[in-house]
Amino acid sequence: MSVRAKILEVAATLDRIDRGAESESLADDERRSRISQAIDILSRSSGAEGKSRAEDIQQLFSRPYEADWRKIMEV
C-alpha cells in the first residue's frame, strides 16, 4: 500500500503540472522533464551499468557539486 500511495502522489503531481502548463508547452517544463527521466530510471533493470536507481534518482534531483558552495550560498 505504501508503494501505491507514492505512485499516486507522482501521478497527482503530473496532473497538477499538466493543468498548470495549459498556456505553456509541456516539453519546456523542467519539472515534468525530470519526472519523466526519473520514470525512465525506475523502469530500467536493477544493476544496469553497475549503477543504483536510487543514486541516479538522487543525482537527477540534486544540484551539481560546486567546490565553492559556501561562497555561492553565502554560508
PDB file of N, CA and C in Angstrom:
ATOM      1  N   MET A   1       0.813  -1.207   0.000  1.00  0.00           N
ATOM      2  CA  MET A   1       0.000   0.000   0.000  1.00  0.00           C
ATOM      3  C   MET A   1       0.851   1.263   0.000  1.00  0.00           C
ATOM      4  N   SER A   2       2.007   1.241   0.650  1.00  0.00           N
ATOM      5  CA  SER A   2       2.824   2.455   0.675  1.00  0.00           C
ATOM      6  C   SER A   2       3.392   2.774  -0.708  1.00  0.00           C
ATOM      7  N   VAL A   3       3.722   1.744  -1.486  1.00  0.00           N
ATOM      8  CA  VAL A   3       4.216   1.980  -2.846  1.00  0.00           C
ATOM      9  C   VAL A   3       3.098   2.571  -3.699  1.00  0.00           C
ATOM     10  N   ARG A   4       1.892   2.034  -3.536  1.00  0.00           N
ATOM     11  CA  ARG A   4       0.735   2.556  -4.275  1.00  0.00           C
ATOM     12  C   ARG A   4       0.542   4.034  -3.970  1.00  0.00           C
ATOM     13  N   ALA A   5       0.647   4.413  -2.719  1.00  0.00           N
ATOM     14  CA  ALA A   5       0.463   5.809  -2.316  1.00  0.00           C
ATOM     15  C   ALA A   5       1.516   6.708  -2.953  1.00  0.00           C
ATOM     16  N   LYS A   6       2.737   6.236  -3.029  1.00  0.00           N
ATOM     17  CA  LYS A   6       3.813   7.035  -3.627  1.00  0.00           C
ATOM     18  C   LYS A   6       3.609   7.195  -5.130  1.00  0.00           C
ATOM     19  N   ILE A   7       3.159   6.137  -5.788  1.00  0.00           N
ATOM     20  CA  ILE A   7       2.893   6.217  -7.224  1.00  0.00           C
ATOM     21  C   ILE A   7       1.722   7.160  -7.495  1.00  0.00           C
ATOM     22  N   LEU A   8       0.699   7.108  -6.648  1.00  0.00           N
ATOM     23  CA  LEU A   8      -0.426   8.033  -6.782  1.00  0.00           C
ATOM     24  C   LEU A   8       0.019   9.482  -6.587  1.00  0.00           C
ATOM     25  N   GLU A   9       0.953   9.698  -5.682  1.00  0.00           N
ATOM     26  CA  GLU A   9       1.462  11.050  -5.457  1.00  0.00           C
ATOM     27  C   GLU A   9       2.181  11.574  -6.703  1.00  0.00           C
ATOM     28  N   VAL A  10       2.964  10.717  -7.345  1.00  0.00           N
ATOM     29  CA  VAL A  10       3.639  11.112  -8.580  1.00  0.00           C
ATOM     30  C   VAL A  10       2.602  11.426  -9.668  1.00  0.00           C
ATOM     31  N   ALA A  11       1.587  10.575  -9.794  1.00  0.00           N
ATOM     32  CA  ALA A  11       0.536  10.803 -10.785  1.00  0.00           C
ATOM     33  C   ALA A  11      -0.186  12.132 -10.526  1.00  0.00           C
ATOM     34  N   ALA A  12      -0.480  12.418  -9.281  1.00  0.00           N
ATOM     35  CA  ALA A  12      -1.155  13.667  -8.938  1.00  0.00           C
ATOM     36  C   ALA A  12      -0.263  14.870  -9.241  1.00  0.00           C
ATOM     37  N   THR A  13       1.024  14.737  -8.992  1.00  0.00           N
ATOM     38  CA  THR A  13       1.971  15.813  -9.306  1.00  0.00           C
ATOM     39  C   THR A  13       1.984  16.083 -10.804  1.00  0.00           C
ATOM     40  N   LEU A  14       2.035  15.024 -11.615  1.00  0.00           N
ATOM     41  CA  LEU A  14       2.000  15.193 -13.067  1.00  0.00           C
ATOM     42  C   LEU A  14       0.700  15.857 -13.518  1.00  0.00           C
ATOM     43  N   ASP A  15      -0.411  15.465 -12.919  1.00  0.00           N
ATOM     44  CA  ASP A  15      -1.693  16.089 -13.246  1.00  0.00           C
ATOM     45  C   ASP A  15      -1.673  17.586 -12.944  1.00  0.00           C
ATOM     46  N   ARG A  16      -1.127  17.966 -11.786  1.00  0.00           N
ATOM     47  CA  ARG A  16      -1.054  19.385 -11.424  1.00  0.00           C
ATOM     48  C   ARG A  16      -0.159  20.157 -12.390  1.00  0.00           C
ATOM     49  N   ILE A  17       0.976  19.569 -12.757  1.00  0.00           N
ATOM     50  CA  ILE A  17       1.880  20.228 -13.703  1.00  0.00           C
ATOM     51  C   ILE A  17       1.175  20.416 -15.045  1.00  0.00           C
ATOM     52  N   ASP A  18       0.499  19.370 -15.499  1.00  0.00           N
ATOM     53  CA  ASP A  18      -0.201  19.445 -16.784  1.00  0.00           C
ATOM     54  C   ASP A  18      -1.298  20.511 -16.767  1.00  0.00           C
ATOM     55  N   ARG A  19      -2.049  20.582 -15.679  1.00  0.00           N
ATOM     56  CA  ARG A  19      -3.111  21.594 -15.584  1.00  0.00           C
ATOM     57  C   ARG A  19      -2.522  23.002 -15.523  1.00  0.00           C
ATOM     58  N   GLY A  20      -1.407  23.144 -14.819  1.00  0.00           N
ATOM     59  CA  GLY A  20      -0.793  24.456 -14.674  1.00  0.00           C
ATOM     60  C   GLY A  20      -0.068  24.926 -15.915  1.00  0.00           C
ATOM     61  N   ALA A  21       0.225  24.024 -16.817  1.00  0.00           N
ATOM     62  CA  ALA A  21       1.003  24.364 -18.012  1.00  0.00           C
ATOM     63  C   ALA A  21       0.118  24.508 -19.245  1.00  0.00           C
ATOM     64  N   GLU A  22      -1.174  24.772 -19.044  1.00  0.00           N
ATOM     65  CA  GLU A  22      -2.085  24.878 -20.184  1.00  0.00           C
ATOM     66  C   GLU A  22      -1.623  25.923 -21.189  1.00  0.00           C
ATOM     67  N   SER A  23      -1.027  27.018 -20.714  1.00  0.00           N
ATOM     68  CA  SER A  23      -0.605  28.081 -21.617  1.00  0.00           C
ATOM     69  C   SER A  23       0.827  27.887 -22.121  1.00  0.00           C
ATOM     70  N   GLU A  24       1.549  26.954 -21.533  1.00  0.00           N
ATOM     71  CA  GLU A  24       2.931  26.708 -21.936  1.00  0.00           C
ATOM     72  C   GLU A  24       3.074  25.312 -22.507  1.00  0.00           C
ATOM     73  N   SER A  25       4.145  25.109 -23.225  1.00  0.00           N
ATOM     74  CA  SER A  25       4.423  23.785 -23.775  1.00  0.00           C
ATOM     75  C   SER A  25       4.936  22.874 -22.677  1.00  0.00           C
ATOM     76  N   LEU A  26       4.358  21.674 -22.569  1.00  0.00           N
ATOM     77  CA  LEU A  26       4.820  20.712 -21.563  1.00  0.00           C
ATOM     78  C   LEU A  26       6.257  20.289 -21.830  1.00  0.00           C
ATOM     79  N   ALA A  27       6.672  20.330 -23.082  1.00  0.00           N
ATOM     80  CA  ALA A  27       8.043  19.934 -23.427  1.00  0.00           C
ATOM     81  C   ALA A  27       9.056  20.869 -22.780  1.00  0.00           C
ATOM     82  N   ASP A  28       8.635  22.101 -22.471  1.00  0.00           N
ATOM     83  CA  ASP A  28       9.543  23.079 -21.886  1.00  0.00           C
ATOM     84  C   ASP A  28       9.520  23.080 -20.355  1.00  0.00           C
ATOM     85  N   ASP A  29       8.707  22.238 -19.751  1.00  0.00           N
ATOM     86  CA  ASP A  29       8.578  22.223 -18.301  1.00  0.00           C
ATOM     87  C   ASP A  29       9.662  21.346 -17.687  1.00  0.00           C
ATOM     88  N   GLU A  30      10.590  21.966 -16.971  1.00  0.00           N
ATOM     89  CA  GLU A  30      11.730  21.262 -16.367  1.00  0.00           C
ATOM     90  C   GLU A  30      11.277  20.220 -15.353  1.00  0.00           C
ATOM     91  N   ARG A  31      10.251  20.537 -14.585  1.00  0.00           N
ATOM     92  CA  ARG A  31       9.770  19.576 -13.577  1.00  0.00           C
ATOM     93  C   ARG A  31       9.267  18.303 -14.240  1.00  0.00           C
ATOM     94  N   ARG A  32       8.463  18.472 -15.276  1.00  0.00           N
ATOM     95  CA  ARG A  32       7.909  17.311 -15.971  1.00  0.00           C
ATOM     96  C   ARG A  32       9.017  16.511 -16.647  1.00  0.00           C
ATOM     97  N   SER A  33       9.976  17.206 -17.192  1.00  0.00           N
ATOM     98  CA  SER A  33      11.111  16.547 -17.840  1.00  0.00           C
ATOM     99  C   SER A  33      11.888  15.678 -16.853  1.00  0.00           C
ATOM    100  N   ARG A  34      12.146  16.222 -15.677  1.00  0.00           N
ATOM    101  CA  ARG A  34      12.882  15.446 -14.667  1.00  0.00           C
ATOM    102  C   ARG A  34      12.079  14.250 -14.168  1.00  0.00           C
ATOM    103  N   ILE A  35      10.777  14.437 -14.004  1.00  0.00           N
ATOM    104  CA  ILE A  35       9.946  13.311 -13.574  1.00  0.00           C
ATOM    105  C   ILE A  35       9.953  12.225 -14.641  1.00  0.00           C
ATOM    106  N   SER A  36       9.875  12.620 -15.902  1.00  0.00           N
ATOM    107  CA  SER A  36       9.931  11.636 -16.995  1.00  0.00           C
ATOM    108  C   SER A  36      11.258  10.893 -17.009  1.00  0.00           C
ATOM    109  N   GLN A  37      12.349  11.624 -16.780  1.00  0.00           N
ATOM    110  CA  GLN A  37      13.663  10.987 -16.695  1.00  0.00           C
ATOM    111  C   GLN A  37      13.714  10.010 -15.521  1.00  0.00           C
ATOM    112  N   ALA A  38      13.114  10.409 -14.402  1.00  0.00           N
ATOM    113  CA  ALA A  38      13.099   9.544 -13.222  1.00  0.00           C
ATOM    114  C   ALA A  38      12.315   8.262 -13.502  1.00  0.00           C
ATOM    115  N   ILE A  39      11.197   8.392 -14.200  1.00  0.00           N
ATOM    116  CA  ILE A  39      10.406   7.204 -14.547  1.00  0.00           C
ATOM    117  C   ILE A  39      11.224   6.275 -15.431  1.00  0.00           C
ATOM    118  N   ASP A  40      11.985   6.845 -16.360  1.00  0.00           N
ATOM    119  CA  ASP A  40      12.871   6.025 -17.204  1.00  0.00           C
ATOM    120  C   ASP A  40      13.906   5.289 -16.356  1.00  0.00           C
ATOM    121  N   ILE A  41      14.475   5.985 -15.385  1.00  0.00           N
ATOM    122  CA  ILE A  41      15.464   5.363 -14.496  1.00  0.00           C
ATOM    123  C   ILE A  41      14.818   4.226 -13.712  1.00  0.00           C
ATOM    124  N   LEU A  42      13.622   4.465 -13.186  1.00  0.00           N
ATOM    125  CA  LEU A  42      12.931   3.445 -12.408  1.00  0.00           C
ATOM    126  C   LEU A  42      12.549   2.231 -13.250  1.00  0.00           C
ATOM    127  N   SER A  43      12.341   2.445 -14.535  1.00  0.00           N
ATOM    128  CA  SER A  43      11.901   1.370 -15.431  1.00  0.00           C
ATOM    129  C   SER A  43      13.028   0.445 -15.867  1.00  0.00           C
ATOM    130  N   ARG A  44      14.249   0.873 -15.688  1.00  0.00           N
ATOM    131  CA  ARG A  44      15.359   0.048 -16.164  1.00  0.00           C
ATOM    132  C   ARG A  44      15.604  -1.131 -15.222  1.00  0.00           C
ATOM    133  N   SER A  45      16.343  -2.077 -15.710  1.00  0.00           N
ATOM    134  CA  SER A  45      16.667  -3.255 -14.903  1.00  0.00           C
ATOM    135  C   SER A  45      17.574  -2.864 -13.749  1.00  0.00           C
ATOM    136  N   SER A  46      17.410  -3.553 -12.651  1.00  0.00           N
ATOM    137  CA  SER A  46      18.259  -3.330 -11.487  1.00  0.00           C
ATOM    138  C   SER A  46      19.704  -3.635 -11.834  1.00  0.00           C
ATOM    139  N   GLY A  47      20.593  -2.775 -11.415  1.00  0.00           N
ATOM    140  CA  GLY A  47      22.011  -3.012 -11.634  1.00  0.00           C
ATOM    141  C   GLY A  47      22.487  -2.680 -13.036  1.00  0.00           C
ATOM    142  N   ALA A  48      21.665  -2.027 -13.838  1.00  0.00           N
ATOM    143  CA  ALA A  48      22.086  -1.641 -15.176  1.00  0.00           C
ATOM    144  C   ALA A  48      23.299  -0.732 -15.099  1.00  0.00           C
ATOM    145  N   GLU A  49      24.303  -1.050 -15.863  1.00  0.00           N
ATOM    146  CA  GLU A  49      25.542  -0.259 -15.908  1.00  0.00           C
ATOM    147  C   GLU A  49      26.195  -0.142 -14.532  1.00  0.00           C
ATOM    148  N   GLY A  50      25.907  -1.060 -13.636  1.00  0.00           N
ATOM    149  CA  GLY A  50      26.521  -1.038 -12.314  1.00  0.00           C
ATOM    150  C   GLY A  50      26.061   0.110 -11.432  1.00  0.00           C
ATOM    151  N   LYS A  51      24.975   0.759 -11.813  1.00  0.00           N
ATOM    152  CA  LYS A  51      24.502   1.911 -11.057  1.00  0.00           C
ATOM    153  C   LYS A  51      23.235   1.581 -10.284  1.00  0.00           C
ATOM    154  N   SER A  52      23.052   2.273  -9.204  1.00  0.00           N
ATOM    155  CA  SER A  52      21.858   2.149  -8.374  1.00  0.00           C
ATOM    156  C   SER A  52      20.789   3.114  -8.887  1.00  0.00           C
ATOM    157  N   ARG A  53      19.567   2.630  -9.014  1.00  0.00           N
ATOM    158  CA  ARG A  53      18.473   3.514  -9.423  1.00  0.00           C
ATOM    159  C   ARG A  53      18.296   4.639  -8.401  1.00  0.00           C
ATOM    160  N   ALA A  54      18.400   4.299  -7.129  1.00  0.00           N
ATOM    161  CA  ALA A  54      18.221   5.313  -6.082  1.00  0.00           C
ATOM    162  C   ALA A  54      19.278   6.414  -6.203  1.00  0.00           C
ATOM    163  N   GLU A  55      20.516   6.018  -6.463  1.00  0.00           N
ATOM    164  CA  GLU A  55      21.596   7.005  -6.622  1.00  0.00           C
ATOM    165  C   GLU A  55      21.329   7.904  -7.832  1.00  0.00           C
ATOM    166  N   ASP A  56      20.902   7.303  -8.926  1.00  0.00           N
ATOM    167  CA  ASP A  56      20.633   8.085 -10.130  1.00  0.00           C
ATOM    168  C   ASP A  56      19.468   9.049  -9.936  1.00  0.00           C
ATOM    169  N   ILE A  57      18.431   8.608  -9.226  1.00  0.00           N
ATOM    170  CA  ILE A  57      17.294   9.493  -8.936  1.00  0.00           C
ATOM    171  C   ILE A  57      17.750  10.648  -8.048  1.00  0.00           C
ATOM    172  N   GLN A  58      18.541  10.342  -7.027  1.00  0.00           N
ATOM    173  CA  GLN A  58      19.045  11.390  -6.126  1.00  0.00           C
ATOM    174  C   GLN A  58      19.845  12.427  -6.909  1.00  0.00           C
ATOM    175  N   GLN A  59      20.704  11.969  -7.792  1.00  0.00           N
ATOM    176  CA  GLN A  59      21.522  12.903  -8.568  1.00  0.00           C
ATOM    177  C   GLN A  59      20.689  13.708  -9.563  1.00  0.00           C
ATOM    178  N   LEU A  60      19.663  13.086 -10.124  1.00  0.00           N
ATOM    179  CA  LEU A  60      18.793  13.785 -11.067  1.00  0.00           C
ATOM    180  C   LEU A  60      18.126  14.995 -10.419  1.00  0.00           C
ATOM    181  N   PHE A  61      17.722  14.862  -9.161  1.00  0.00           N
ATOM    182  CA  PHE A  61      17.011  15.939  -8.480  1.00  0.00           C
ATOM    183  C   PHE A  61      17.910  16.793  -7.578  1.00  0.00           C
ATOM    184  N   SER A  62      19.218  16.611  -7.690  1.00  0.00           N
ATOM    185  CA  SER A  62      20.162  17.371  -6.869  1.00  0.00           C
ATOM    186  C   SER A  62      20.916  18.390  -7.707  1.00  0.00           C
ATOM    187  N   ARG A  63      21.394  19.389  -7.033  1.00  0.00           N
ATOM    188  CA  ARG A  63      22.266  20.359  -7.702  1.00  0.00           C
ATOM    189  C   ARG A  63      23.633  19.722  -7.888  1.00  0.00           C
ATOM    190  N   PRO A  64      24.336  20.083  -8.939  1.00  0.00           N
ATOM    191  CA  PRO A  64      25.703  19.563  -9.101  1.00  0.00           C
ATOM    192  C   PRO A  64      26.605  20.129  -8.003  1.00  0.00           C
ATOM    193  N   TYR A  65      27.600  19.336  -7.595  1.00  0.00           N
ATOM    194  CA  TYR A  65      28.507  19.780  -6.547  1.00  0.00           C
ATOM    195  C   TYR A  65      29.374  20.928  -7.046  1.00  0.00           C
ATOM    196  N   GLU A  66      29.513  21.926  -6.216  1.00  0.00           N
ATOM    197  CA  GLU A  66      30.390  23.059  -6.517  1.00  0.00           C
ATOM    198  C   GLU A  66      31.315  23.234  -5.326  1.00  0.00           C
ATOM    199  N   ALA A  67      32.621  23.215  -5.581  1.00  0.00           N
ATOM    200  CA  ALA A  67      33.612  23.290  -4.512  1.00  0.00           C
ATOM    201  C   ALA A  67      33.446  24.557  -3.668  1.00  0.00           C
ATOM    202  N   ASP A  68      33.037  25.643  -4.265  1.00  0.00           N
ATOM    203  CA  ASP A  68      32.878  26.903  -3.532  1.00  0.00           C
ATOM    204  C   ASP A  68      31.420  27.153  -3.125  1.00  0.00           C
ATOM    205  N   TRP A  69      30.722  26.073  -2.766  1.00  0.00           N
ATOM    206  CA  TRP A  69      29.303  26.181  -2.431  1.00  0.00           C
ATOM    207  C   TRP A  69      29.048  27.120  -1.259  1.00  0.00           C
ATOM    208  N   ARG A  70      29.967  27.167  -0.305  1.00  0.00           N
ATOM    209  CA  ARG A  70      29.757  28.065   0.846  1.00  0.00           C
ATOM    210  C   ARG A  70      29.706  29.523   0.404  1.00  0.00           C
ATOM    211  N   LYS A  71      30.577  29.877  -0.511  1.00  0.00           N
ATOM    212  CA  LYS A  71      30.601  31.245  -1.020  1.00  0.00           C
ATOM    213  C   LYS A  71      29.332  31.530  -1.837  1.00  0.00           C
ATOM    214  N   ILE A  72      28.967  30.584  -2.693  1.00  0.00           N
ATOM    215  CA  ILE A  72      27.788  30.736  -3.533  1.00  0.00           C
ATOM    216  C   ILE A  72      26.520  30.873  -2.691  1.00  0.00           C
ATOM    217  N   MET A  73      26.411  30.052  -1.637  1.00  0.00           N
ATOM    218  CA  MET A  73      25.231  30.057  -0.778  1.00  0.00           C
ATOM    219  C   MET A  73      25.342  31.091   0.351  1.00  0.00           C
ATOM    220  N   GLU A  74      26.472  31.788   0.380  1.00  0.00           N
ATOM    221  CA  GLU A  74      26.731  32.808   1.404  1.00  0.00           C
ATOM    222  C   GLU A  74      26.604  32.235   2.801  1.00  0.00           C
ATOM    223  N   VAL A  75      27.282  31.101   3.018  1.00  0.00           N
ATOM    224  CA  VAL A  75      27.256  30.446   4.335  1.00  0.00           C
ATOM    225  C   VAL A  75      28.578  30.705   5.018  1.00  0.00           C
TER     226      VAL A  75
END
